[in-house]
Amino acid sequence: MLKRYTFWLTAGILFQFLTAIIHSLSFFVRQKPENDTEQQMLDLLYNYHLDLGAGFHPTFGNLFTALSACFTLMCLLGGFTLGHLLIKHTEPSIMKGIIAINLAIFTVCFIVMAFLTFLPPIVLTGLIVINLFAAYILCPKIEASV
């Protein structure tokens, strides 16, 4: 079982969905300030509007929410794409390429997370990378005959 790439790919897909679900919880929870400094910071985060030209006046909170939504959507896109191809029994040579693309994107994401975020997204993104790496290594390379 541990020597089949489908096991590791399924685990990677599940971690992509788990990461998306956990990360999307932040859209429903508003941070409460614990002191005056945090109150001032959150007030600026959600009430200070930047002038970015062309009529755009977002807050840093708007920009942060957009970036956060992109991470959640990236995890869902990877999970649904790999899951669909796995269900359709796509041949291993094609799967290896798609896994490699996901592995490259999530590895870069992991590096960014490791330097710029905090422990839960780092761990979850790392688990995605580990499972995709194992699936890539174990995926047989079958050359197409011409």
N, C-alpha and C. Protein backbone atom coordinates (compact mmCIF):
# COMPACT_ATOMS: atom_id res chain seq x y z
N MET A 1 0.82 -1.18 0.00
CA MET A 1 0.00 0.00 0.00
C MET A 1 0.87 1.25 0.00
N LEU A 2 1.91 1.30 0.81
CA LEU A 2 2.78 2.47 0.87
C LEU A 2 3.67 2.61 -0.37
N LYS A 3 3.70 1.56 -1.19
CA LYS A 3 4.53 1.60 -2.40
C LYS A 3 3.71 1.98 -3.62
N ARG A 4 2.42 2.24 -3.44
CA ARG A 4 1.58 2.66 -4.55
C ARG A 4 1.46 4.18 -4.54
N TYR A 5 1.67 4.78 -5.68
CA TYR A 5 1.61 6.25 -5.74
C TYR A 5 0.21 6.77 -5.46
N THR A 6 -0.81 5.95 -5.74
CA THR A 6 -2.18 6.41 -5.52
C THR A 6 -2.47 6.64 -4.03
N PHE A 7 -1.83 5.86 -3.16
CA PHE A 7 -1.99 6.07 -1.72
C PHE A 7 -1.49 7.46 -1.32
N TRP A 8 -0.29 7.79 -1.76
CA TRP A 8 0.31 9.07 -1.40
C TRP A 8 -0.40 10.24 -2.09
N LEU A 9 -0.86 10.00 -3.31
CA LEU A 9 -1.60 11.04 -4.02
C LEU A 9 -2.93 11.31 -3.33
N THR A 10 -3.61 10.27 -2.91
CA THR A 10 -4.87 10.44 -2.18
C THR A 10 -4.64 11.20 -0.87
N ALA A 11 -3.56 10.86 -0.17
CA ALA A 11 -3.23 11.59 1.07
C ALA A 11 -2.94 13.05 0.76
N GLY A 12 -2.21 13.33 -0.32
CA GLY A 12 -1.93 14.71 -0.71
C GLY A 12 -3.21 15.47 -1.03
N ILE A 13 -4.12 14.82 -1.74
CA ILE A 13 -5.41 15.45 -2.07
C ILE A 13 -6.19 15.75 -0.80
N LEU A 14 -6.22 14.80 0.12
CA LEU A 14 -6.94 15.03 1.38
C LEU A 14 -6.33 16.18 2.18
N PHE A 15 -5.00 16.29 2.18
CA PHE A 15 -4.37 17.41 2.87
C PHE A 15 -4.64 18.73 2.16
N GLN A 16 -4.79 18.71 0.84
CA GLN A 16 -5.16 19.94 0.14
C GLN A 16 -6.54 20.39 0.56
N PHE A 17 -7.49 19.45 0.63
CA PHE A 17 -8.84 19.80 1.06
C PHE A 17 -8.87 20.22 2.53
N LEU A 18 -8.15 19.51 3.39
CA LEU A 18 -8.09 19.87 4.80
C LEU A 18 -7.52 21.27 4.99
N THR A 19 -6.46 21.58 4.25
CA THR A 19 -5.85 22.90 4.33
C THR A 19 -6.84 23.97 3.89
N ALA A 20 -7.55 23.71 2.80
CA ALA A 20 -8.54 24.68 2.31
C ALA A 20 -9.64 24.90 3.34
N ILE A 21 -10.12 23.84 3.95
CA ILE A 21 -11.19 23.96 4.95
C ILE A 21 -10.71 24.74 6.17
N ILE A 22 -9.56 24.35 6.70
CA ILE A 22 -9.04 25.02 7.90
C ILE A 22 -8.74 26.48 7.60
N HIS A 23 -8.15 26.74 6.44
CA HIS A 23 -7.80 28.11 6.10
C HIS A 23 -9.03 28.97 5.86
N SER A 24 -10.10 28.39 5.34
CA SER A 24 -11.32 29.17 5.09
C SER A 24 -12.04 29.55 6.37
N LEU A 25 -11.73 28.87 7.48
CA LEU A 25 -12.35 29.26 8.76
C LEU A 25 -11.99 30.68 9.16
N SER A 26 -10.84 31.16 8.68
CA SER A 26 -10.42 32.52 9.03
C SER A 26 -11.35 33.57 8.44
N PHE A 27 -12.15 33.21 7.44
CA PHE A 27 -13.09 34.17 6.86
C PHE A 27 -14.29 34.42 7.77
N PHE A 28 -14.52 33.52 8.71
CA PHE A 28 -15.70 33.61 9.56
C PHE A 28 -15.38 34.07 10.98
N VAL A 29 -14.10 34.19 11.31
CA VAL A 29 -13.69 34.57 12.65
C VAL A 29 -12.99 35.93 12.57
N ARG A 30 -13.49 36.88 13.32
CA ARG A 30 -12.88 38.21 13.36
C ARG A 30 -11.98 38.29 14.59
N GLN A 31 -10.76 38.76 14.39
CA GLN A 31 -9.82 38.84 15.50
C GLN A 31 -10.23 39.95 16.46
N LYS A 32 -10.17 39.63 17.74
CA LYS A 32 -10.52 40.62 18.76
C LYS A 32 -9.24 41.14 19.39
N PRO A 33 -9.13 42.46 19.51
CA PRO A 33 -7.92 43.03 20.11
C PRO A 33 -7.85 42.74 21.60
N GLU A 34 -6.63 42.52 22.10
CA GLU A 34 -6.44 42.23 23.51
C GLU A 34 -5.86 43.42 24.28
N ASN A 35 -5.41 44.44 23.54
CA ASN A 35 -4.89 45.64 24.20
C ASN A 35 -5.03 46.82 23.25
N ASP A 36 -4.62 48.00 23.70
CA ASP A 36 -4.79 49.21 22.90
C ASP A 36 -3.96 49.18 21.62
N THR A 37 -2.78 48.60 21.67
CA THR A 37 -1.93 48.54 20.48
C THR A 37 -2.58 47.67 19.40
N GLU A 38 -3.10 46.51 19.80
CA GLU A 38 -3.79 45.65 18.85
C GLU A 38 -5.04 46.32 18.31
N GLN A 39 -5.75 47.06 19.16
CA GLN A 39 -6.94 47.78 18.72
C GLN A 39 -6.58 48.80 17.63
N GLN A 40 -5.50 49.54 17.85
CA GLN A 40 -5.06 50.52 16.87
C GLN A 40 -4.64 49.84 15.56
N MET A 41 -3.91 48.73 15.67
CA MET A 41 -3.46 48.01 14.48
C MET A 41 -4.64 47.47 13.68
N LEU A 42 -5.60 46.85 14.34
CA LEU A 42 -6.77 46.31 13.65
C LEU A 42 -7.63 47.42 13.05
N ASP A 43 -7.72 48.54 13.76
CA ASP A 43 -8.46 49.68 13.23
C ASP A 43 -7.84 50.17 11.93
N LEU A 44 -6.52 50.28 11.90
CA LEU A 44 -5.83 50.69 10.67
C LEU A 44 -5.96 49.62 9.59
N LEU A 45 -5.88 48.37 9.96
CA LEU A 45 -5.95 47.27 9.01
C LEU A 45 -7.27 47.27 8.25
N TYR A 46 -8.36 47.55 8.96
CA TYR A 46 -9.68 47.45 8.35
C TYR A 46 -10.32 48.79 7.98
N ASN A 47 -9.75 49.90 8.42
CA ASN A 47 -10.39 51.20 8.17
C ASN A 47 -9.53 52.18 7.37
N TYR A 48 -8.25 51.97 7.28
CA TYR A 48 -7.39 52.88 6.53
C TYR A 48 -7.38 52.45 5.06
N HIS A 49 -7.87 53.32 4.20
CA HIS A 49 -7.98 53.02 2.77
C HIS A 49 -6.78 53.57 2.01
N LEU A 50 -6.14 52.69 1.24
CA LEU A 50 -5.01 53.07 0.41
C LEU A 50 -5.53 53.64 -0.91
N ASP A 51 -4.84 54.62 -1.47
CA ASP A 51 -5.18 55.12 -2.79
C ASP A 51 -4.26 54.46 -3.80
N LEU A 52 -4.77 53.45 -4.50
CA LEU A 52 -3.96 52.71 -5.46
C LEU A 52 -4.20 53.15 -6.90
N GLY A 53 -4.88 54.26 -7.06
CA GLY A 53 -5.13 54.78 -8.40
C GLY A 53 -6.27 54.06 -9.09
N ALA A 54 -6.74 54.66 -10.16
CA ALA A 54 -7.82 54.10 -10.99
C ALA A 54 -9.08 53.81 -10.18
N GLY A 55 -9.29 54.54 -9.11
CA GLY A 55 -10.49 54.38 -8.31
C GLY A 55 -10.45 53.25 -7.29
N PHE A 56 -9.31 52.62 -7.12
CA PHE A 56 -9.18 51.53 -6.15
C PHE A 56 -8.74 52.09 -4.80
N HIS A 57 -9.51 51.79 -3.76
CA HIS A 57 -9.20 52.27 -2.41
C HIS A 57 -9.39 51.14 -1.39
N PRO A 58 -8.64 50.05 -1.52
CA PRO A 58 -8.80 48.94 -0.58
C PRO A 58 -8.09 49.23 0.74
N THR A 59 -8.50 48.48 1.75
CA THR A 59 -7.77 48.51 3.02
C THR A 59 -6.75 47.37 2.98
N PHE A 60 -5.82 47.38 3.92
CA PHE A 60 -4.89 46.25 4.01
C PHE A 60 -5.66 44.98 4.34
N GLY A 61 -6.75 45.12 5.08
CA GLY A 61 -7.59 43.97 5.39
C GLY A 61 -8.19 43.36 4.13
N ASN A 62 -8.62 44.23 3.18
CA ASN A 62 -9.14 43.73 1.90
C ASN A 62 -8.07 42.97 1.14
N LEU A 63 -6.87 43.52 1.09
CA LEU A 63 -5.77 42.86 0.38
C LEU A 63 -5.42 41.53 1.04
N PHE A 64 -5.41 41.51 2.36
CA PHE A 64 -5.10 40.28 3.11
C PHE A 64 -6.17 39.22 2.86
N THR A 65 -7.43 39.62 2.84
CA THR A 65 -8.53 38.69 2.59
C THR A 65 -8.44 38.11 1.18
N ALA A 66 -8.12 38.96 0.20
CA ALA A 66 -7.98 38.48 -1.18
C ALA A 66 -6.85 37.47 -1.30
N LEU A 67 -5.72 37.76 -0.67
CA LEU A 67 -4.59 36.85 -0.70
C LEU A 67 -4.93 35.54 0.00
N SER A 68 -5.63 35.63 1.10
CA SER A 68 -6.04 34.45 1.85
C SER A 68 -7.00 33.59 1.03
N ALA A 69 -7.91 34.23 0.32
CA ALA A 69 -8.85 33.49 -0.52
C ALA A 69 -8.11 32.78 -1.65
N CYS A 70 -7.08 33.40 -2.18
CA CYS A 70 -6.31 32.77 -3.26
C CYS A 70 -5.63 31.49 -2.79
N PHE A 71 -5.12 31.47 -1.57
CA PHE A 71 -4.48 30.26 -1.04
C PHE A 71 -5.50 29.14 -0.90
N THR A 72 -6.68 29.47 -0.37
CA THR A 72 -7.74 28.48 -0.22
C THR A 72 -8.15 27.94 -1.58
N LEU A 73 -8.33 28.83 -2.55
CA LEU A 73 -8.73 28.41 -3.89
C LEU A 73 -7.64 27.59 -4.59
N MET A 74 -6.38 27.91 -4.34
CA MET A 74 -5.28 27.14 -4.93
C MET A 74 -5.32 25.70 -4.40
N CYS A 75 -5.55 25.54 -3.11
CA CYS A 75 -5.64 24.20 -2.52
C CYS A 75 -6.83 23.43 -3.10
N LEU A 76 -7.97 24.10 -3.26
CA LEU A 76 -9.13 23.44 -3.84
C LEU A 76 -8.89 23.06 -5.30
N LEU A 77 -8.27 23.95 -6.07
CA LEU A 77 -7.98 23.64 -7.47
C LEU A 77 -7.07 22.42 -7.58
N GLY A 78 -6.02 22.39 -6.79
CA GLY A 78 -5.11 21.23 -6.81
C GLY A 78 -5.82 19.96 -6.41
N GLY A 79 -6.59 20.02 -5.34
CA GLY A 79 -7.29 18.83 -4.85
C GLY A 79 -8.32 18.30 -5.82
N PHE A 80 -9.14 19.20 -6.38
CA PHE A 80 -10.16 18.75 -7.33
C PHE A 80 -9.56 18.24 -8.63
N THR A 81 -8.52 18.89 -9.11
CA THR A 81 -7.88 18.45 -10.36
C THR A 81 -7.25 17.07 -10.19
N LEU A 82 -6.43 16.91 -9.16
CA LEU A 82 -5.80 15.61 -8.93
C LEU A 82 -6.83 14.53 -8.62
N GLY A 83 -7.84 14.89 -7.84
CA GLY A 83 -8.89 13.93 -7.50
C GLY A 83 -9.66 13.47 -8.73
N HIS A 84 -9.99 14.40 -9.60
CA HIS A 84 -10.71 14.04 -10.83
C HIS A 84 -9.87 13.11 -11.70
N LEU A 85 -8.60 13.45 -11.88
CA LEU A 85 -7.73 12.61 -12.70
C LEU A 85 -7.52 11.23 -12.08
N LEU A 86 -7.47 11.17 -10.77
CA LEU A 86 -7.31 9.88 -10.08
C LEU A 86 -8.57 9.03 -10.24
N ILE A 87 -9.73 9.63 -10.11
CA ILE A 87 -10.99 8.90 -10.28
C ILE A 87 -11.14 8.38 -11.71
N LYS A 88 -10.68 9.16 -12.67
CA LYS A 88 -10.79 8.78 -14.09
C LYS A 88 -9.70 7.79 -14.51
N HIS A 89 -8.86 7.36 -13.58
CA HIS A 89 -7.78 6.41 -13.85
C HIS A 89 -6.89 6.87 -15.00
N THR A 90 -6.47 8.12 -14.91
CA THR A 90 -5.57 8.69 -15.91
C THR A 90 -4.26 7.92 -15.89
N GLU A 91 -3.69 7.70 -17.06
CA GLU A 91 -2.47 6.89 -17.14
C GLU A 91 -1.33 7.55 -16.36
N PRO A 92 -0.46 6.72 -15.78
CA PRO A 92 0.60 7.22 -14.90
C PRO A 92 1.54 8.24 -15.54
N SER A 93 1.80 8.14 -16.83
CA SER A 93 2.72 9.10 -17.44
C SER A 93 2.14 10.51 -17.43
N ILE A 94 0.84 10.63 -17.61
CA ILE A 94 0.19 11.94 -17.53
C ILE A 94 0.10 12.39 -16.07
N MET A 95 -0.24 11.47 -15.19
CA MET A 95 -0.34 11.80 -13.77
C MET A 95 0.98 12.30 -13.21
N LYS A 96 2.07 11.69 -13.67
CA LYS A 96 3.39 12.10 -13.17
C LYS A 96 3.65 13.57 -13.51
N GLY A 97 3.28 13.99 -14.70
CA GLY A 97 3.45 15.39 -15.09
C GLY A 97 2.57 16.34 -14.29
N ILE A 98 1.33 15.95 -14.08
CA ILE A 98 0.41 16.79 -13.31
C ILE A 98 0.84 16.86 -11.85
N ILE A 99 1.29 15.74 -11.31
CA ILE A 99 1.81 15.73 -9.94
C ILE A 99 3.03 16.63 -9.84
N ALA A 100 3.90 16.60 -10.86
CA ALA A 100 5.11 17.43 -10.86
C ALA A 100 4.74 18.92 -10.85
N ILE A 101 3.72 19.29 -11.61
CA ILE A 101 3.28 20.69 -11.63
C ILE A 101 2.78 21.10 -10.26
N ASN A 102 1.92 20.27 -9.66
CA ASN A 102 1.41 20.56 -8.32
C ASN A 102 2.54 20.61 -7.30
N LEU A 103 3.48 19.68 -7.42
CA LEU A 103 4.61 19.64 -6.49
C LEU A 103 5.44 20.91 -6.59
N ALA A 104 5.69 21.38 -7.78
CA ALA A 104 6.47 22.61 -7.96
C ALA A 104 5.75 23.81 -7.35
N ILE A 105 4.46 23.95 -7.63
CA ILE A 105 3.68 25.09 -7.11
C ILE A 105 3.61 25.04 -5.59
N PHE A 106 3.29 23.88 -5.04
CA PHE A 106 3.15 23.79 -3.58
C PHE A 106 4.49 23.86 -2.86
N THR A 107 5.57 23.47 -3.53
CA THR A 107 6.90 23.63 -2.91
C THR A 107 7.25 25.10 -2.79
N VAL A 108 7.01 25.87 -3.84
CA VAL A 108 7.25 27.32 -3.77
C VAL A 108 6.35 27.94 -2.71
N CYS A 109 5.10 27.51 -2.67
CA CYS A 109 4.16 28.00 -1.65
C CYS A 109 4.67 27.67 -0.25
N PHE A 110 5.18 26.45 -0.07
CA PHE A 110 5.72 26.04 1.24
C PHE A 110 6.89 26.93 1.65
N ILE A 111 7.79 27.22 0.72
CA ILE A 111 8.94 28.08 1.04
C ILE A 111 8.47 29.46 1.46
N VAL A 112 7.51 30.02 0.73
CA VAL A 112 6.97 31.34 1.09
C VAL A 112 6.31 31.27 2.47
N MET A 113 5.52 30.22 2.69
CA MET A 113 4.84 30.06 3.99
C MET A 113 5.86 29.94 5.13
N ALA A 114 6.95 29.22 4.88
CA ALA A 114 7.95 29.00 5.93
C ALA A 114 8.59 30.30 6.39
N PHE A 115 8.71 31.25 5.49
CA PHE A 115 9.34 32.52 5.85
C PHE A 115 8.36 33.60 6.29
N LEU A 116 7.10 33.52 5.86
CA LEU A 116 6.21 34.66 6.06
C LEU A 116 4.95 34.39 6.89
N THR A 117 4.71 33.14 7.27
CA THR A 117 3.47 32.89 8.03
C THR A 117 3.78 32.24 9.37
N PHE A 118 2.83 31.52 9.89
CA PHE A 118 2.95 30.89 11.20
C PHE A 118 2.73 29.38 11.08
N LEU A 119 2.82 28.67 12.17
CA LEU A 119 2.95 27.22 12.18
C LEU A 119 1.85 26.42 11.45
N PRO A 120 0.55 26.64 11.67
CA PRO A 120 -0.44 25.77 11.01
C PRO A 120 -0.35 25.74 9.48
N PRO A 121 -0.28 26.90 8.79
CA PRO A 121 -0.17 26.79 7.33
C PRO A 121 1.17 26.21 6.87
N ILE A 122 2.22 26.42 7.64
CA ILE A 122 3.51 25.84 7.28
C ILE A 122 3.43 24.32 7.35
N VAL A 123 2.89 23.79 8.43
CA VAL A 123 2.79 22.34 8.62
C VAL A 123 1.88 21.72 7.56
N LEU A 124 0.70 22.32 7.33
CA LEU A 124 -0.24 21.76 6.37
C LEU A 124 0.31 21.79 4.95
N THR A 125 0.95 22.88 4.58
CA THR A 125 1.54 22.96 3.24
C THR A 125 2.71 21.98 3.12
N GLY A 126 3.47 21.82 4.19
CA GLY A 126 4.56 20.83 4.20
C GLY A 126 4.04 19.42 4.02
N LEU A 127 2.92 19.09 4.64
CA LEU A 127 2.33 17.77 4.48
C LEU A 127 1.86 17.53 3.04
N ILE A 128 1.34 18.57 2.41
CA ILE A 128 0.95 18.45 1.00
C ILE A 128 2.18 18.15 0.15
N VAL A 129 3.26 18.90 0.38
CA VAL A 129 4.49 18.72 -0.40
C VAL A 129 5.07 17.32 -0.19
N ILE A 130 5.12 16.85 1.04
CA ILE A 130 5.68 15.52 1.32
C ILE A 130 4.89 14.43 0.60
N ASN A 131 3.58 14.51 0.66
CA ASN A 131 2.75 13.49 0.02
C ASN A 131 2.83 13.56 -1.50
N LEU A 132 2.85 14.77 -2.06
CA LEU A 132 2.99 14.89 -3.51
C LEU A 132 4.37 14.40 -3.97
N PHE A 133 5.39 14.66 -3.16
CA PHE A 133 6.74 14.19 -3.51
C PHE A 133 6.79 12.66 -3.52
N ALA A 134 6.19 12.04 -2.52
CA ALA A 134 6.16 10.58 -2.47
C ALA A 134 5.37 10.02 -3.66
N ALA A 135 4.26 10.65 -4.00
CA ALA A 135 3.47 10.19 -5.15
C ALA A 135 4.26 10.34 -6.44
N TYR A 136 5.00 11.43 -6.57
CA TYR A 136 5.80 11.65 -7.77
C TYR A 136 6.90 10.60 -7.91
N ILE A 137 7.60 10.33 -6.80
CA ILE A 137 8.69 9.35 -6.83
C ILE A 137 8.17 7.95 -7.16
N LEU A 138 7.02 7.58 -6.61
CA LEU A 138 6.49 6.24 -6.80
C LEU A 138 5.66 6.06 -8.07
N CYS A 139 5.32 7.15 -8.71
CA CYS A 139 4.50 7.07 -9.94
C CYS A 139 5.35 6.47 -11.06
N PRO A 140 4.88 5.37 -11.66
CA PRO A 140 5.68 4.74 -12.72
C PRO A 140 5.71 5.63 -13.96
N LYS A 141 6.86 5.62 -14.62
CA LYS A 141 7.00 6.39 -15.85
C LYS A 141 6.84 5.42 -17.01
N ILE A 142 5.74 5.53 -17.68
CA ILE A 142 5.44 4.66 -18.80
C ILE A 142 5.51 5.51 -20.07
N GLU A 143 6.42 5.17 -20.94
CA GLU A 143 6.59 5.91 -22.19
C GLU A 143 5.47 5.53 -23.15
N ALA A 144 4.95 6.53 -23.84
CA ALA A 144 3.92 6.28 -24.85
C ALA A 144 4.58 5.69 -26.09
N SER A 145 3.96 4.66 -26.62
CA SER A 145 4.53 4.06 -27.84
C SER A 145 4.02 4.80 -29.06
N VAL A 146 4.93 4.98 -30.02
CA VAL A 146 4.59 5.74 -31.23
C VAL A 146 4.47 4.82 -32.40
